[in-house]
Amino acid sequence: MPGTPRGRRERPDSLSSVLIAAAVCPHPPLLVPEVAGGAAHELDEVRAACDRAIGTLVEARPDRLFVVGAGKPTRRHPADAAGSLAGYGAPVEVGSGPAVLGLATTIGRWLARRSGAVPDGYIEVADDATPAACSALGLDLAEASPRVAVLVMGDGSARRTDRSPGRVDDRAAAYDDAVASALGAADTAALAALDPVLARDLMVAGRAAWQVLAGAAVGAGLKGELVAYQAPYGVGYLVASWTS
């Protein structure tokens, strides 16, 4: 089992609460067909992979399900929190009331709804949150109930190719490859060791959320599967499923 990251407390064997399942998905607005328009088919495989990964969360029958994604500042939202994609050119809303969710958690709620998953809350993690803070937040989530599951939203590097939003960086593909390997192996130590500075340089949106997952999953004994790994627009999109 991967070791416990330095600077965090280890989950005791006697603890009754544990993470039983996790799904990792990207959060581009173009995942939503109404936003993508005529290009919606270009992400059909990624969308289907997300549906499959989230389906494993439903099958796990958790007591509580949380959606975790990038935001600023770090904050928590209740189950009825709403989000909107109006800023991305489509009148797509999830939930009712004021749109308080950021992009990552809005896409997370939209994906959850497609698969029949009902989140109990939404956690936004600041992109400058330290690995130790992310780990501690993950542990808190895992201790929220005897059977907890998480839907973790995060994009890889946006500096991979000439189609990327950012200037090409030769380190980007190797970074995403390492994350893909860690997600496929449910390697909590590798995720906990991700460098926040390098992630910021490479325009990685998922680093903090992945490290929350690492904190939540230590000691849970989950097995990983990399469901999809693509970069159709020069941004790393990774989909994974962690199950017991």
Protein backbone atom coordinates (compact mmCIF):
# COMPACT_ATOMS: atom_id res chain seq x y z
CA MET A 1 0.00 0.00 0.00
CA PRO A 2 1.45 3.45 -0.82
CA GLY A 3 2.86 5.21 2.21
CA THR A 4 1.29 8.01 4.18
CA PRO A 5 2.32 11.47 2.90
CA ARG A 6 4.63 13.35 5.24
CA GLY A 7 2.89 15.95 7.38
CA ARG A 8 -0.49 14.27 7.78
CA ARG A 9 -1.88 11.90 10.38
CA GLU A 10 -2.40 8.27 9.44
CA ARG A 11 -5.88 6.80 9.42
CA PRO A 12 -6.18 4.36 12.32
CA ASP A 13 -7.18 0.80 11.44
CA SER A 14 -10.09 0.95 13.88
CA LEU A 15 -11.76 3.93 12.19
CA SER A 16 -15.24 2.94 11.06
CA SER A 17 -15.56 5.67 8.40
CA VAL A 18 -13.75 5.01 5.14
CA LEU A 19 -13.70 6.05 1.49
CA ILE A 20 -15.38 3.23 -0.42
CA ALA A 21 -15.23 4.60 -3.97
CA ALA A 22 -14.04 7.53 -6.06
CA ALA A 23 -14.44 8.75 -9.61
CA VAL A 24 -12.12 11.23 -11.29
CA CYS A 25 -13.36 13.31 -14.23
CA PRO A 26 -12.28 16.43 -16.15
CA HIS A 27 -14.42 19.56 -16.17
CA PRO A 28 -14.27 21.28 -19.57
CA PRO A 29 -17.50 23.15 -20.37
CA LEU A 30 -17.49 21.38 -23.75
CA LEU A 31 -18.47 18.15 -22.00
CA VAL A 32 -21.98 19.61 -22.00
CA PRO A 33 -23.47 19.17 -25.50
CA GLU A 34 -25.44 22.41 -25.29
CA VAL A 35 -22.14 24.27 -24.81
CA ALA A 36 -20.21 22.29 -27.43
CA GLY A 37 -22.89 22.59 -30.10
CA GLY A 38 -21.84 20.92 -33.32
CA ALA A 39 -18.55 19.78 -31.77
CA ALA A 40 -20.24 17.77 -29.01
CA HIS A 41 -19.28 14.48 -30.66
CA GLU A 42 -15.60 15.27 -30.18
CA LEU A 43 -15.91 14.48 -26.47
CA ASP A 44 -18.31 11.55 -26.77
CA GLU A 45 -15.70 9.08 -25.53
CA VAL A 46 -14.71 11.25 -22.58
CA ARG A 47 -18.35 11.86 -21.67
CA ALA A 48 -19.09 8.13 -21.81
CA ALA A 49 -16.05 7.39 -19.68
CA CYS A 50 -17.25 9.87 -17.07
CA ASP A 51 -20.68 8.22 -17.05
CA ARG A 52 -19.03 4.84 -16.51
CA ALA A 53 -16.82 6.05 -13.68
CA ILE A 54 -19.67 7.82 -11.89
CA GLY A 55 -21.82 4.74 -12.38
CA THR A 56 -19.43 2.87 -10.10
CA LEU A 57 -20.15 5.43 -7.39
CA VAL A 58 -23.87 4.77 -7.67
CA GLU A 59 -23.26 1.02 -7.55
CA ALA A 60 -21.14 1.40 -4.39
CA ARG A 61 -24.20 2.77 -2.53
CA PRO A 62 -22.36 5.30 -0.36
CA ASP A 63 -23.93 6.93 2.67
CA ARG A 64 -22.59 10.26 1.47
CA LEU A 65 -21.22 11.48 -1.85
CA PHE A 66 -19.18 14.66 -2.24
CA VAL A 67 -18.07 16.49 -5.38
CA VAL A 68 -14.59 18.01 -5.13
CA GLY A 69 -13.15 20.50 -7.62
CA ALA A 70 -11.10 23.62 -8.08
CA GLY A 71 -12.38 26.93 -6.78
CA LYS A 72 -11.22 30.02 -4.98
CA PRO A 73 -11.23 30.27 -2.04
CA THR A 74 -11.55 26.82 -0.48
CA ARG A 75 -15.18 26.50 0.61
CA ARG A 76 -18.04 24.06 1.02
CA HIS A 77 -21.51 24.19 -0.52
CA PRO A 78 -24.63 22.27 0.53
CA ALA A 79 -26.40 19.63 -1.52
CA ASP A 80 -28.83 22.14 -3.05
CA ALA A 81 -26.13 24.52 -4.30
CA ALA A 82 -26.69 25.60 -7.91
CA GLY A 83 -24.37 26.29 -10.81
CA SER A 84 -24.68 27.82 -14.27
CA LEU A 85 -22.88 27.60 -17.61
CA ALA A 86 -24.44 30.79 -18.95
CA GLY A 87 -20.98 32.33 -19.04
CA TYR A 88 -19.94 29.70 -21.57
CA GLY A 89 -22.64 30.49 -24.08
CA ALA A 90 -25.44 28.11 -23.09
CA PRO A 91 -28.37 28.57 -20.67
CA VAL A 92 -27.54 25.37 -18.79
CA GLU A 93 -28.20 25.37 -15.06
CA VAL A 94 -27.93 22.71 -12.37
CA GLY A 95 -29.97 23.16 -9.23
CA SER A 96 -32.16 26.14 -8.48
CA GLY A 97 -31.43 29.46 -6.90
CA PRO A 98 -28.33 31.64 -7.18
CA ALA A 99 -25.44 30.08 -9.11
CA VAL A 100 -22.71 29.73 -6.49
CA LEU A 101 -20.80 26.71 -7.79
CA GLY A 102 -17.63 27.19 -9.80
CA LEU A 103 -16.98 25.53 -13.14
CA ALA A 104 -15.52 22.30 -11.77
CA THR A 105 -18.30 21.61 -9.29
CA THR A 106 -20.97 22.74 -11.76
CA ILE A 107 -19.75 20.18 -14.30
CA GLY A 108 -19.53 17.66 -11.47
CA ARG A 109 -23.16 18.23 -10.56
CA TRP A 110 -24.18 18.01 -14.21
CA LEU A 111 -22.33 14.70 -14.65
CA ALA A 112 -23.73 13.31 -11.41
CA ARG A 113 -27.27 14.10 -12.53
CA ARG A 114 -26.71 12.20 -15.80
CA SER A 115 -25.81 9.05 -13.88
CA GLY A 116 -28.44 9.30 -11.18
CA ALA A 117 -25.94 10.19 -8.45
CA VAL A 118 -27.12 12.60 -5.76
CA PRO A 119 -24.26 14.54 -4.13
CA ASP A 120 -24.54 15.51 -0.46
CA GLY A 121 -22.28 18.52 -0.84
CA TYR A 122 -19.70 20.30 -2.98
CA ILE A 123 -16.17 21.20 -1.91
CA GLU A 124 -14.15 23.76 -3.85
CA VAL A 125 -10.40 23.72 -3.24
CA ALA A 126 -8.22 26.75 -3.91
CA ASP A 127 -5.60 26.14 -6.58
CA ASP A 128 -2.92 27.39 -4.18
CA ALA A 129 -3.94 25.06 -1.33
CA THR A 130 -0.91 23.23 0.03
CA PRO A 131 -0.62 19.46 -0.32
CA ALA A 132 -0.92 19.17 3.47
CA ALA A 133 -4.13 21.21 3.50
CA CYS A 134 -5.58 19.12 0.66
CA SER A 135 -4.67 15.92 2.46
CA ALA A 136 -6.30 17.10 5.68
CA LEU A 137 -9.46 18.08 3.82
CA GLY A 138 -9.58 14.65 2.21
CA LEU A 139 -9.29 12.93 5.56
CA ASP A 140 -12.13 15.05 6.94
CA LEU A 141 -14.34 14.02 4.02
CA ALA A 142 -13.54 10.35 4.47
CA GLU A 143 -14.51 10.61 8.14
CA ALA A 144 -17.88 12.22 7.38
CA SER A 145 -19.79 8.92 7.32
CA PRO A 146 -19.19 5.17 7.47
CA ARG A 147 -19.40 4.86 3.66
CA VAL A 148 -18.15 7.89 1.75
CA ALA A 149 -17.59 8.34 -1.98
CA VAL A 150 -16.15 11.29 -3.89
CA LEU A 151 -16.43 12.61 -7.42
CA VAL A 152 -13.17 14.46 -8.07
CA MET A 153 -13.10 16.99 -10.89
CA GLY A 154 -9.82 18.11 -12.44
CA ASP A 155 -8.11 18.81 -15.76
CA GLY A 156 -4.50 18.05 -16.52
CA SER A 157 -2.03 20.43 -18.15
CA ALA A 158 -3.31 23.06 -20.56
CA ARG A 159 0.12 23.49 -22.18
CA ARG A 160 0.50 20.27 -24.17
CA THR A 161 0.16 21.23 -27.85
CA ASP A 162 -0.39 24.12 -30.22
CA ARG A 163 -4.14 23.72 -29.58
CA SER A 164 -3.69 24.26 -25.84
CA PRO A 165 -4.91 27.42 -24.10
CA GLY A 166 -1.37 28.03 -22.84
CA ARG A 167 2.02 28.11 -24.53
CA VAL A 168 3.48 24.65 -25.17
CA ASP A 169 5.66 23.32 -22.38
CA ASP A 170 7.72 20.18 -23.00
CA ARG A 171 7.07 18.99 -19.43
CA ALA A 172 3.29 18.94 -19.80
CA ALA A 173 2.74 15.52 -21.39
CA ALA A 174 5.11 13.81 -18.96
CA TYR A 175 3.28 15.41 -16.05
CA ASP A 176 -0.09 14.18 -17.27
CA ASP A 177 1.37 10.74 -17.95
CA ALA A 178 2.53 10.54 -14.33
CA VAL A 179 -0.89 11.58 -13.05
CA ALA A 180 -2.56 9.03 -15.32
CA SER A 181 -0.28 6.32 -13.94
CA ALA A 182 -1.04 7.34 -10.35
CA LEU A 183 -4.79 7.41 -10.96
CA GLY A 184 -4.72 4.03 -12.67
CA ALA A 185 -2.83 2.49 -9.76
CA ALA A 186 -4.74 4.33 -6.99
CA ASP A 187 -1.31 5.54 -5.88
CA THR A 188 -2.08 8.00 -3.09
CA ALA A 189 1.59 8.69 -2.38
CA ALA A 190 2.27 9.73 -5.98
CA LEU A 191 -0.71 12.07 -6.02
CA ALA A 192 0.22 13.55 -2.64
CA ALA A 193 3.72 14.27 -3.96
CA LEU A 194 2.56 16.42 -6.90
CA ASP A 195 4.40 19.75 -6.91
CA PRO A 196 2.01 22.74 -6.67
CA VAL A 197 4.54 25.07 -8.32
CA LEU A 198 5.01 22.81 -11.33
CA ALA A 199 1.25 22.31 -11.56
CA ARG A 200 0.73 26.07 -11.67
CA ASP A 201 3.44 26.47 -14.32
CA LEU A 202 1.76 23.82 -16.48
CA MET A 203 -1.76 25.23 -15.97
CA VAL A 204 -2.99 22.08 -14.26
CA ALA A 205 -6.47 22.62 -12.82
CA GLY A 206 -6.79 19.28 -11.02
CA ARG A 207 -3.75 19.15 -8.72
CA ALA A 208 -5.47 20.27 -5.50
CA ALA A 209 -8.55 18.10 -6.02
CA TRP A 210 -6.41 15.05 -6.78
CA GLN A 211 -4.52 15.64 -3.55
CA VAL A 212 -7.80 15.81 -1.62
CA LEU A 213 -8.53 12.38 -3.08
CA ALA A 214 -5.11 11.17 -1.98
CA GLY A 215 -5.82 12.27 1.57
CA ALA A 216 -9.25 10.69 1.61
CA ALA A 217 -8.07 7.36 0.22
CA VAL A 218 -5.04 6.63 2.41
CA GLY A 219 -5.63 3.32 4.14
CA ALA A 220 -8.83 2.60 2.20
CA GLY A 221 -7.28 -0.14 0.06
CA LEU A 222 -9.00 0.98 -3.15
CA LYS A 223 -8.08 -0.38 -6.56
CA GLY A 224 -7.70 2.00 -9.47
CA GLU A 225 -8.65 1.88 -13.13
CA LEU A 226 -7.74 4.51 -15.70
CA VAL A 227 -10.93 4.66 -17.75
CA ALA A 228 -9.84 7.32 -20.27
CA TYR A 229 -6.89 9.61 -20.96
CA GLN A 230 -7.09 12.03 -23.88
CA ALA A 231 -6.02 15.53 -24.84
CA PRO A 232 -8.28 16.49 -27.76
CA TYR A 233 -7.86 20.23 -27.30
CA GLY A 234 -4.34 20.21 -25.95
CA VAL A 235 -5.60 19.78 -22.37
CA GLY A 236 -5.17 16.56 -20.43
CA TYR A 237 -8.51 14.91 -19.68
CA LEU A 238 -8.25 12.00 -17.27
CA VAL A 239 -11.05 9.69 -16.13
CA ALA A 240 -10.50 7.10 -13.41
CA SER A 241 -12.45 4.86 -11.11
CA TRP A 242 -11.33 3.74 -7.64
CA THR A 243 -13.29 0.93 -6.03
CA SER A 244 -12.91 -1.46 -3.13
